[in-house]
mmCIF file of all heavy atoms, coordinates in Angstrom:
data_MODEL
# 
_entry.id   MODEL 
# 
loop_
_atom_site.group_PDB 
_atom_site.id 
_atom_site.type_symbol 
_atom_site.label_atom_id 
_atom_site.label_alt_id 
_atom_site.label_comp_id 
_atom_site.label_asym_id 
_atom_site.label_entity_id 
_atom_site.label_seq_id 
_atom_site.pdbx_PDB_ins_code 
_atom_site.Cartn_x 
_atom_site.Cartn_y 
_atom_site.Cartn_z 
_atom_site.occupancy 
_atom_site.B_iso_or_equiv 
_atom_site.pdbx_formal_charge 
_atom_site.auth_seq_id 
_atom_site.auth_comp_id 
_atom_site.auth_asym_id 
_atom_site.auth_atom_id 
_atom_site.pdbx_PDB_model_num 
ATOM 1   N N   . GLU A 1 1  ? 27.921 25.018  -4.631  1.00 0.00 ? 1  GLU A N   1 
ATOM 2   C CA  . GLU A 1 1  ? 27.815 25.603  -5.968  1.00 0.00 ? 1  GLU A CA  1 
ATOM 3   C C   . GLU A 1 1  ? 27.779 24.518  -7.000  1.00 0.00 ? 1  GLU A C   1 
ATOM 4   O O   . GLU A 1 1  ? 28.370 23.432  -6.846  1.00 0.00 ? 1  GLU A O   1 
ATOM 5   C CB  . GLU A 1 1  ? 29.020 26.567  -6.222  1.00 0.00 ? 1  GLU A CB  1 
ATOM 6   C CG  . GLU A 1 1  ? 28.943 27.746  -5.317  1.00 0.00 ? 1  GLU A CG  1 
ATOM 7   C CD  . GLU A 1 1  ? 30.239 28.628  -5.429  1.00 0.00 ? 1  GLU A CD  1 
ATOM 8   O OE1 . GLU A 1 1  ? 31.187 28.196  -6.163  1.00 0.00 ? 1  GLU A OE1 1 
ATOM 9   O OE2 . GLU A 1 1  ? 30.261 29.668  -4.766  1.00 0.00 ? 1  GLU A OE2 1 
ATOM 10  N N   . ASN A 1 2  ? 27.094 24.733  -8.113  1.00 0.00 ? 2  ASN A N   1 
ATOM 11  C CA  . ASN A 1 2  ? 26.976 23.834  -9.243  1.00 0.00 ? 2  ASN A CA  1 
ATOM 12  C C   . ASN A 1 2  ? 26.384 22.477  -8.815  1.00 0.00 ? 2  ASN A C   1 
ATOM 13  O O   . ASN A 1 2  ? 26.674 21.462  -9.409  1.00 0.00 ? 2  ASN A O   1 
ATOM 14  C CB  . ASN A 1 2  ? 28.351 23.603  -9.890  1.00 0.00 ? 2  ASN A CB  1 
ATOM 15  C CG  . ASN A 1 2  ? 28.955 24.912  -10.407 1.00 0.00 ? 2  ASN A CG  1 
ATOM 16  O OD1 . ASN A 1 2  ? 28.228 25.712  -10.928 1.00 0.00 ? 2  ASN A OD1 1 
ATOM 17  N ND2 . ASN A 1 2  ? 30.260 25.056  -10.246 1.00 0.00 ? 2  ASN A ND2 1 
ATOM 18  N N   . ASN A 1 3  ? 25.585 22.473  -7.720  1.00 0.00 ? 3  ASN A N   1 
ATOM 19  C CA  . ASN A 1 3  ? 24.921 21.264  -7.263  1.00 0.00 ? 3  ASN A CA  1 
ATOM 20  C C   . ASN A 1 3  ? 25.905 20.108  -7.079  1.00 0.00 ? 3  ASN A C   1 
ATOM 21  O O   . ASN A 1 3  ? 25.640 18.975  -7.458  1.00 0.00 ? 3  ASN A O   1 
ATOM 22  C CB  . ASN A 1 3  ? 23.804 20.891  -8.234  1.00 0.00 ? 3  ASN A CB  1 
ATOM 23  C CG  . ASN A 1 3  ? 22.797 20.001  -7.593  1.00 0.00 ? 3  ASN A CG  1 
ATOM 24  O OD1 . ASN A 1 3  ? 22.649 19.956  -6.389  1.00 0.00 ? 3  ASN A OD1 1 
ATOM 25  N ND2 . ASN A 1 3  ? 22.066 19.249  -8.467  1.00 0.00 ? 3  ASN A ND2 1 
ATOM 26  N N   . ALA A 1 4  ? 27.063 20.384  -6.548  1.00 0.00 ? 4  ALA A N   1 
ATOM 27  C CA  . ALA A 1 4  ? 28.140 19.405  -6.368  1.00 0.00 ? 4  ALA A CA  1 
ATOM 28  C C   . ALA A 1 4  ? 27.732 18.193  -5.586  1.00 0.00 ? 4  ALA A C   1 
ATOM 29  O O   . ALA A 1 4  ? 28.264 17.099  -5.842  1.00 0.00 ? 4  ALA A O   1 
ATOM 30  C CB  . ALA A 1 4  ? 29.391 20.047  -5.718  1.00 0.00 ? 4  ALA A CB  1 
ATOM 31  N N   . PHE A 1 5  ? 26.790 18.339  -4.651  1.00 0.00 ? 5  PHE A N   1 
ATOM 32  C CA  . PHE A 1 5  ? 26.393 17.205  -3.823  1.00 0.00 ? 5  PHE A CA  1 
ATOM 33  C C   . PHE A 1 5  ? 24.936 16.800  -4.108  1.00 0.00 ? 5  PHE A C   1 
ATOM 34  O O   . PHE A 1 5  ? 24.261 16.235  -3.233  1.00 0.00 ? 5  PHE A O   1 
ATOM 35  C CB  . PHE A 1 5  ? 26.624 17.479  -2.377  1.00 0.00 ? 5  PHE A CB  1 
ATOM 36  C CG  . PHE A 1 5  ? 28.088 17.594  -2.044  1.00 0.00 ? 5  PHE A CG  1 
ATOM 37  C CD1 . PHE A 1 5  ? 28.710 18.846  -1.996  1.00 0.00 ? 5  PHE A CD1 1 
ATOM 38  C CD2 . PHE A 1 5  ? 28.809 16.465  -1.778  1.00 0.00 ? 5  PHE A CD2 1 
ATOM 39  C CE1 . PHE A 1 5  ? 30.048 18.972  -1.676  1.00 0.00 ? 5  PHE A CE1 1 
ATOM 40  C CE2 . PHE A 1 5  ? 30.163 16.590  -1.477  1.00 0.00 ? 5  PHE A CE2 1 
ATOM 41  C CZ  . PHE A 1 5  ? 30.766 17.817  -1.462  1.00 0.00 ? 5  PHE A CZ  1 
ATOM 42  N N   . GLY A 1 6  ? 24.442 17.192  -5.261  1.00 0.00 ? 6  GLY A N   1 
ATOM 43  C CA  . GLY A 1 6  ? 23.052 16.910  -5.612  1.00 0.00 ? 6  GLY A CA  1 
ATOM 44  C C   . GLY A 1 6  ? 22.667 15.462  -5.522  1.00 0.00 ? 6  GLY A C   1 
ATOM 45  O O   . GLY A 1 6  ? 21.542 15.079  -5.109  1.00 0.00 ? 6  GLY A O   1 
ATOM 46  N N   . ASP A 1 7  ? 23.575 14.585  -5.823  1.00 0.00 ? 7  ASP A N   1 
ATOM 47  C CA  . ASP A 1 7  ? 23.301 13.120  -5.793  1.00 0.00 ? 7  ASP A CA  1 
ATOM 48  C C   . ASP A 1 7  ? 23.008 12.635  -4.387  1.00 0.00 ? 7  ASP A C   1 
ATOM 49  O O   . ASP A 1 7  ? 22.386 11.610  -4.179  1.00 0.00 ? 7  ASP A O   1 
ATOM 50  C CB  . ASP A 1 7  ? 24.473 12.325  -6.434  1.00 0.00 ? 7  ASP A CB  1 
ATOM 51  C CG  . ASP A 1 7  ? 24.599 12.531  -7.919  1.00 0.00 ? 7  ASP A CG  1 
ATOM 52  O OD1 . ASP A 1 7  ? 23.607 13.025  -8.497  1.00 0.00 ? 7  ASP A OD1 1 
ATOM 53  O OD2 . ASP A 1 7  ? 25.630 12.175  -8.474  1.00 0.00 ? 7  ASP A OD2 1 
ATOM 54  N N   . LEU A 1 8  ? 23.552 13.321  -3.402  1.00 0.00 ? 8  LEU A N   1 
ATOM 55  C CA  . LEU A 1 8  ? 23.403 12.857  -2.000  1.00 0.00 ? 8  LEU A CA  1 
ATOM 56  C C   . LEU A 1 8  ? 22.007 13.093  -1.457  1.00 0.00 ? 8  LEU A C   1 
ATOM 57  O O   . LEU A 1 8  ? 21.646 12.498  -0.478  1.00 0.00 ? 8  LEU A O   1 
ATOM 58  C CB  . LEU A 1 8  ? 24.430 13.641  -1.088  1.00 0.00 ? 8  LEU A CB  1 
ATOM 59  C CG  . LEU A 1 8  ? 25.884 13.283  -1.374  1.00 0.00 ? 8  LEU A CG  1 
ATOM 60  C CD1 . LEU A 1 8  ? 26.780 14.088  -0.464  1.00 0.00 ? 8  LEU A CD1 1 
ATOM 61  C CD2 . LEU A 1 8  ? 26.158 11.807  -1.240  1.00 0.00 ? 8  LEU A CD2 1 
ATOM 62  N N   . VAL A 1 9  ? 21.221 13.956  -2.118  1.00 0.00 ? 9  VAL A N   1 
ATOM 63  C CA  . VAL A 1 9  ? 19.899 14.181  -1.659  1.00 0.00 ? 9  VAL A CA  1 
ATOM 64  C C   . VAL A 1 9  ? 18.845 13.413  -2.465  1.00 0.00 ? 9  VAL A C   1 
ATOM 65  O O   . VAL A 1 9  ? 17.638 13.561  -2.281  1.00 0.00 ? 9  VAL A O   1 
ATOM 66  C CB  . VAL A 1 9  ? 19.529 15.692  -1.628  1.00 0.00 ? 9  VAL A CB  1 
ATOM 67  C CG1 . VAL A 1 9  ? 20.390 16.422  -0.628  1.00 0.00 ? 9  VAL A CG1 1 
ATOM 68  C CG2 . VAL A 1 9  ? 19.652 16.285  -3.010  1.00 0.00 ? 9  VAL A CG2 1 
ATOM 69  N N   . GLN A 1 10 ? 19.305 12.554  -3.402  1.00 0.00 ? 10 GLN A N   1 
ATOM 70  C CA  . GLN A 1 10 ? 18.421 11.746  -4.149  1.00 0.00 ? 10 GLN A CA  1 
ATOM 71  C C   . GLN A 1 10 ? 17.970 10.542  -3.335  1.00 0.00 ? 10 GLN A C   1 
ATOM 72  O O   . GLN A 1 10 ? 18.746 9.873   -2.677  1.00 0.00 ? 10 GLN A O   1 
ATOM 73  C CB  . GLN A 1 10 ? 19.104 11.190  -5.431  1.00 0.00 ? 10 GLN A CB  1 
ATOM 74  C CG  . GLN A 1 10 ? 19.519 12.260  -6.426  1.00 0.00 ? 10 GLN A CG  1 
ATOM 75  C CD  . GLN A 1 10 ? 18.319 12.842  -7.065  1.00 0.00 ? 10 GLN A CD  1 
ATOM 76  O OE1 . GLN A 1 10 ? 17.324 12.169  -7.337  1.00 0.00 ? 10 GLN A OE1 1 
ATOM 77  N NE2 . GLN A 1 10 ? 18.363 14.146  -7.390  1.00 0.00 ? 10 GLN A NE2 1 
ATOM 78  N N   . ARG A 1 11 ? 16.646 10.310  -3.313  1.00 0.00 ? 11 ARG A N   1 
ATOM 79  C CA  . ARG A 1 11 ? 16.072 9.175   -2.591  1.00 0.00 ? 11 ARG A CA  1 
ATOM 80  C C   . ARG A 1 11 ? 16.069 7.943   -3.548  1.00 0.00 ? 11 ARG A C   1 
ATOM 81  O O   . ARG A 1 11 ? 15.761 8.093   -4.746  1.00 0.00 ? 11 ARG A O   1 
ATOM 82  C CB  . ARG A 1 11 ? 14.659 9.521   -2.204  1.00 0.00 ? 11 ARG A CB  1 
ATOM 83  C CG  . ARG A 1 11 ? 13.981 8.501   -1.334  1.00 0.00 ? 11 ARG A CG  1 
ATOM 84  C CD  . ARG A 1 11 ? 12.599 9.053   -0.922  1.00 0.00 ? 11 ARG A CD  1 
ATOM 85  N NE  . ARG A 1 11 ? 11.956 8.167   0.024   1.00 0.00 ? 11 ARG A NE  1 
ATOM 86  C CZ  . ARG A 1 11 ? 11.106 7.205   -0.334  1.00 0.00 ? 11 ARG A CZ  1 
ATOM 87  N NH1 . ARG A 1 11 ? 10.765 7.054   -1.617  1.00 0.00 ? 11 ARG A NH1 1 
ATOM 88  N NH2 . ARG A 1 11 ? 10.534 6.452   0.566   1.00 0.00 ? 11 ARG A NH2 1 
ATOM 89  N N   . HIS A 1 12 ? 16.378 6.793   -3.009  1.00 0.00 ? 12 HIS A N   1 
ATOM 90  C CA  . HIS A 1 12 ? 16.340 5.555   -3.753  1.00 0.00 ? 12 HIS A CA  1 
ATOM 91  C C   . HIS A 1 12 ? 14.838 5.409   -4.272  1.00 0.00 ? 12 HIS A C   1 
ATOM 92  O O   . HIS A 1 12 ? 13.928 5.585   -3.535  1.00 0.00 ? 12 HIS A O   1 
ATOM 93  C CB  . HIS A 1 12 ? 16.723 4.331   -2.943  1.00 0.00 ? 12 HIS A CB  1 
ATOM 94  C CG  . HIS A 1 12 ? 16.892 3.116   -3.741  1.00 0.00 ? 12 HIS A CG  1 
ATOM 95  N ND1 . HIS A 1 12 ? 18.051 2.879   -4.445  1.00 0.00 ? 12 HIS A ND1 1 
ATOM 96  C CD2 . HIS A 1 12 ? 16.073 2.033   -3.918  1.00 0.00 ? 12 HIS A CD2 1 
ATOM 97  C CE1 . HIS A 1 12 ? 17.926 1.690   -5.057  1.00 0.00 ? 12 HIS A CE1 1 
ATOM 98  N NE2 . HIS A 1 12 ? 16.758 1.155   -4.762  1.00 0.00 ? 12 HIS A NE2 1 
ATOM 99  N N   . ASN A 1 13 ? 14.663 5.062   -5.556  1.00 0.00 ? 13 ASN A N   1 
ATOM 100 C CA  . ASN A 1 13 ? 13.330 5.090   -6.105  1.00 0.00 ? 13 ASN A CA  1 
ATOM 101 C C   . ASN A 1 13 ? 12.990 3.965   -7.030  1.00 0.00 ? 13 ASN A C   1 
ATOM 102 O O   . ASN A 1 13 ? 12.301 4.066   -8.017  1.00 0.00 ? 13 ASN A O   1 
ATOM 103 C CB  . ASN A 1 13 ? 13.115 6.402   -6.870  1.00 0.00 ? 13 ASN A CB  1 
ATOM 104 C CG  . ASN A 1 13 ? 14.058 6.553   -8.063  1.00 0.00 ? 13 ASN A CG  1 
ATOM 105 O OD1 . ASN A 1 13 ? 14.909 5.733   -8.256  1.00 0.00 ? 13 ASN A OD1 1 
ATOM 106 N ND2 . ASN A 1 13 ? 13.796 7.559   -8.902  1.00 0.00 ? 13 ASN A ND2 1 
ATOM 107 N N   . ARG A 1 14 ? 13.553 2.739   -6.682  1.00 0.00 ? 14 ARG A N   1 
ATOM 108 C CA  . ARG A 1 14 ? 13.229 1.607   -7.528  1.00 0.00 ? 14 ARG A CA  1 
ATOM 109 C C   . ARG A 1 14 ? 13.116 0.311   -6.738  1.00 0.00 ? 14 ARG A C   1 
ATOM 110 O O   . ARG A 1 14 ? 13.727 0.239   -5.620  1.00 0.00 ? 14 ARG A O   1 
ATOM 111 C CB  . ARG A 1 14 ? 14.219 1.463   -8.663  1.00 0.00 ? 14 ARG A CB  1 
ATOM 112 C CG  . ARG A 1 14 ? 15.648 1.158   -8.233  1.00 0.00 ? 14 ARG A CG  1 
ATOM 113 C CD  . ARG A 1 14 ? 16.632 1.188   -9.403  1.00 0.00 ? 14 ARG A CD  1 
ATOM 114 N NE  . ARG A 1 14 ? 16.135 0.498   -10.576 1.00 0.00 ? 14 ARG A NE  1 
ATOM 115 C CZ  . ARG A 1 14 ? 16.515 -0.754  -10.909 1.00 0.00 ? 14 ARG A CZ  1 
ATOM 116 N NH1 . ARG A 1 14 ? 17.287 -1.412  -10.170 1.00 0.00 ? 14 ARG A NH1 1 
ATOM 117 N NH2 . ARG A 1 14 ? 16.041 -1.264  -12.024 1.00 0.00 ? 14 ARG A NH2 1 
ATOM 118 N N   . CYS A 1 15 ? 12.432 -0.618  -7.235  1.00 0.00 ? 15 CYS A N   1 
ATOM 119 C CA  . CYS A 1 15 ? 12.279 -1.943  -6.663  1.00 0.00 ? 15 CYS A CA  1 
ATOM 120 C C   . CYS A 1 15 ? 13.534 -2.787  -6.983  1.00 0.00 ? 15 CYS A C   1 
ATOM 121 O O   . CYS A 1 15 ? 13.900 -2.949  -8.118  1.00 0.00 ? 15 CYS A O   1 
ATOM 122 C CB  . CYS A 1 15 ? 11.025 -2.628  -7.132  1.00 0.00 ? 15 CYS A CB  1 
ATOM 123 S SG  . CYS A 1 15 ? 10.798 -4.325  -6.511  1.00 0.00 ? 15 CYS A SG  1 
ATOM 124 N N   . ASP A 1 16 ? 14.192 -3.295  -5.991  1.00 0.00 ? 16 ASP A N   1 
ATOM 125 C CA  . ASP A 1 16 ? 15.382 -4.104  -6.209  1.00 0.00 ? 16 ASP A CA  1 
ATOM 126 C C   . ASP A 1 16 ? 15.173 -5.634  -6.002  1.00 0.00 ? 16 ASP A C   1 
ATOM 127 O O   . ASP A 1 16 ? 16.094 -6.392  -5.911  1.00 0.00 ? 16 ASP A O   1 
ATOM 128 C CB  . ASP A 1 16 ? 16.479 -3.645  -5.248  1.00 0.00 ? 16 ASP A CB  1 
ATOM 129 C CG  . ASP A 1 16 ? 16.894 -2.201  -5.521  1.00 0.00 ? 16 ASP A CG  1 
ATOM 130 O OD1 . ASP A 1 16 ? 17.310 -1.935  -6.720  1.00 0.00 ? 16 ASP A OD1 1 
ATOM 131 O OD2 . ASP A 1 16 ? 16.818 -1.371  -4.626  1.00 0.00 ? 16 ASP A OD2 1 
ATOM 132 N N   . ALA A 1 17 ? 13.881 -5.990  -5.961  1.00 0.00 ? 17 ALA A N   1 
ATOM 133 C CA  . ALA A 1 17 ? 13.549 -7.474  -5.779  1.00 0.00 ? 17 ALA A CA  1 
ATOM 134 C C   . ALA A 1 17 ? 14.132 -8.235  -7.007  1.00 0.00 ? 17 ALA A C   1 
ATOM 135 O O   . ALA A 1 17 ? 14.232 -7.671  -8.127  1.00 0.00 ? 17 ALA A O   1 
ATOM 136 C CB  . ALA A 1 17 ? 12.057 -7.668  -5.709  1.00 0.00 ? 17 ALA A CB  1 
ATOM 137 N N   . ASN A 1 18 ? 14.501 -9.464  -6.767  1.00 0.00 ? 18 ASN A N   1 
ATOM 138 C CA  . ASN A 1 18 ? 15.038 -10.296 -7.866  1.00 0.00 ? 18 ASN A CA  1 
ATOM 139 C C   . ASN A 1 18 ? 14.090 -10.288 -9.015  1.00 0.00 ? 18 ASN A C   1 
ATOM 140 O O   . ASN A 1 18 ? 14.452 -10.226 -10.162 1.00 0.00 ? 18 ASN A O   1 
ATOM 141 C CB  . ASN A 1 18 ? 15.307 -11.719 -7.346  1.00 0.00 ? 18 ASN A CB  1 
ATOM 142 C CG  . ASN A 1 18 ? 16.523 -11.739 -6.477  1.00 0.00 ? 18 ASN A CG  1 
ATOM 143 O OD1 . ASN A 1 18 ? 17.364 -10.887 -6.496  1.00 0.00 ? 18 ASN A OD1 1 
ATOM 144 N ND2 . ASN A 1 18 ? 16.617 -12.825 -5.678  1.00 0.00 ? 18 ASN A ND2 1 
ATOM 145 N N   . GLU A 1 19 ? 12.797 -10.463 -8.706  1.00 0.00 ? 19 GLU A N   1 
ATOM 146 C CA  . GLU A 1 19 ? 11.758 -10.433 -9.743  1.00 0.00 ? 19 GLU A CA  1 
ATOM 147 C C   . GLU A 1 19 ? 10.720 -9.410  -9.364  1.00 0.00 ? 19 GLU A C   1 
ATOM 148 O O   . GLU A 1 19 ? 9.965  -9.582  -8.424  1.00 0.00 ? 19 GLU A O   1 
ATOM 149 C CB  . GLU A 1 19 ? 11.070 -11.783 -9.855  1.00 0.00 ? 19 GLU A CB  1 
ATOM 150 C CG  . GLU A 1 19 ? 10.081 -11.837 -10.970 1.00 0.00 ? 19 GLU A CG  1 
ATOM 151 C CD  . GLU A 1 19 ? 9.381  -13.176 -11.077 1.00 0.00 ? 19 GLU A CD  1 
ATOM 152 O OE1 . GLU A 1 19 ? 9.843  -14.123 -10.440 1.00 0.00 ? 19 GLU A OE1 1 
ATOM 153 O OE2 . GLU A 1 19 ? 8.340  -13.249 -11.783 1.00 0.00 ? 19 GLU A OE2 1 
ATOM 154 N N   . CYS A 1 20 ? 10.730 -8.296  -10.038 1.00 0.00 ? 20 CYS A N   1 
ATOM 155 C CA  . CYS A 1 20 ? 9.720  -7.214  -9.780  1.00 0.00 ? 20 CYS A CA  1 
ATOM 156 C C   . CYS A 1 20 ? 8.445  -7.598  -10.496 1.00 0.00 ? 20 CYS A C   1 
ATOM 157 O O   . CYS A 1 20 ? 8.404  -7.904  -11.688 1.00 0.00 ? 20 CYS A O   1 
ATOM 158 C CB  . CYS A 1 20 ? 10.252 -5.871  -10.316 1.00 0.00 ? 20 CYS A CB  1 
ATOM 159 S SG  . CYS A 1 20 ? 9.050  -4.530  -10.038 1.00 0.00 ? 20 CYS A SG  1 
ATOM 160 N N   . LEU A 1 21 ? 7.342  -7.610  -9.705  1.00 0.00 ? 21 LEU A N   1 
ATOM 161 C CA  . LEU A 1 21 ? 6.039  -8.074  -10.227 1.00 0.00 ? 21 LEU A CA  1 
ATOM 162 C C   . LEU A 1 21 ? 5.167  -6.868  -10.692 1.00 0.00 ? 21 LEU A C   1 
ATOM 163 O O   . LEU A 1 21 ? 4.123  -7.106  -11.277 1.00 0.00 ? 21 LEU A O   1 
ATOM 164 C CB  . LEU A 1 21 ? 5.299  -8.822  -9.123  1.00 0.00 ? 21 LEU A CB  1 
ATOM 165 C CG  . LEU A 1 21 ? 6.054  -10.005 -8.508  1.00 0.00 ? 21 LEU A CG  1 
ATOM 166 C CD1 . LEU A 1 21 ? 5.234  -10.552 -7.321  1.00 0.00 ? 21 LEU A CD1 1 
ATOM 167 C CD2 . LEU A 1 21 ? 6.258  -11.102 -9.570  1.00 0.00 ? 21 LEU A CD2 1 
ATOM 168 N N   . CYS A 1 22 ? 5.609  -5.661  -10.533 1.00 0.00 ? 22 CYS A N   1 
ATOM 169 C CA  . CYS A 1 22 ? 4.864  -4.510  -10.859 1.00 0.00 ? 22 CYS A CA  1 
ATOM 170 C C   . CYS A 1 22 ? 4.678  -4.381  -12.360 1.00 0.00 ? 22 CYS A C   1 
ATOM 171 O O   . CYS A 1 22 ? 5.675  -4.349  -13.132 1.00 0.00 ? 22 CYS A O   1 
ATOM 172 C CB  . CYS A 1 22 ? 5.482  -3.205  -10.304 1.00 0.00 ? 22 CYS A CB  1 
ATOM 173 S SG  . CYS A 1 22 ? 4.542  -1.742  -10.615 1.00 0.00 ? 22 CYS A SG  1 
ATOM 174 N N   . PRO A 1 23 ? 3.442  -4.360  -12.916 1.00 0.00 ? 23 PRO A N   1 
ATOM 175 C CA  . PRO A 1 23 ? 3.231  -4.244  -14.327 1.00 0.00 ? 23 PRO A CA  1 
ATOM 176 C C   . PRO A 1 23 ? 3.753  -2.910  -14.978 1.00 0.00 ? 23 PRO A C   1 
ATOM 177 O O   . PRO A 1 23 ? 4.095  -2.926  -16.077 1.00 0.00 ? 23 PRO A O   1 
ATOM 178 C CB  . PRO A 1 23 ? 1.707  -4.339  -14.483 1.00 0.00 ? 23 PRO A CB  1 
ATOM 179 C CG  . PRO A 1 23 ? 1.118  -4.104  -13.171 1.00 0.00 ? 23 PRO A CG  1 
ATOM 180 C CD  . PRO A 1 23 ? 2.221  -4.371  -12.130 1.00 0.00 ? 23 PRO A CD  1 
ATOM 181 N N   . GLU A 1 24 ? 3.922  -1.883  -14.095 1.00 0.00 ? 24 GLU A N   1 
ATOM 182 C CA  . GLU A 1 24 ? 4.401  -0.589  -14.621 1.00 0.00 ? 24 GLU A CA  1 
ATOM 183 C C   . GLU A 1 24 ? 5.952  -0.496  -14.531 1.00 0.00 ? 24 GLU A C   1 
ATOM 184 O O   . GLU A 1 24 ? 6.517  0.505   -15.017 1.00 0.00 ? 24 GLU A O   1 
ATOM 185 C CB  . GLU A 1 24 ? 3.805  0.550   -13.836 1.00 0.00 ? 24 GLU A CB  1 
ATOM 186 C CG  . GLU A 1 24 ? 2.263  0.632   -13.833 1.00 0.00 ? 24 GLU A CG  1 
ATOM 187 C CD  . GLU A 1 24 ? 1.771  0.876   -15.251 1.00 0.00 ? 24 GLU A CD  1 
ATOM 188 O OE1 . GLU A 1 24 ? 2.340  1.668   -15.997 1.00 0.00 ? 24 GLU A OE1 1 
ATOM 189 O OE2 . GLU A 1 24 ? 0.731  0.231   -15.599 1.00 0.00 ? 24 GLU A OE2 1 
# 
C-alpha cells in the first residue's frame, strides 16, 4: 500500500563513469 517499496523496483539509470562523455 502507498507504494511503500516503490524504490526497490527502480532500475539504475545513469552513467557513473568518473568522466561521462555523453553530450546529453
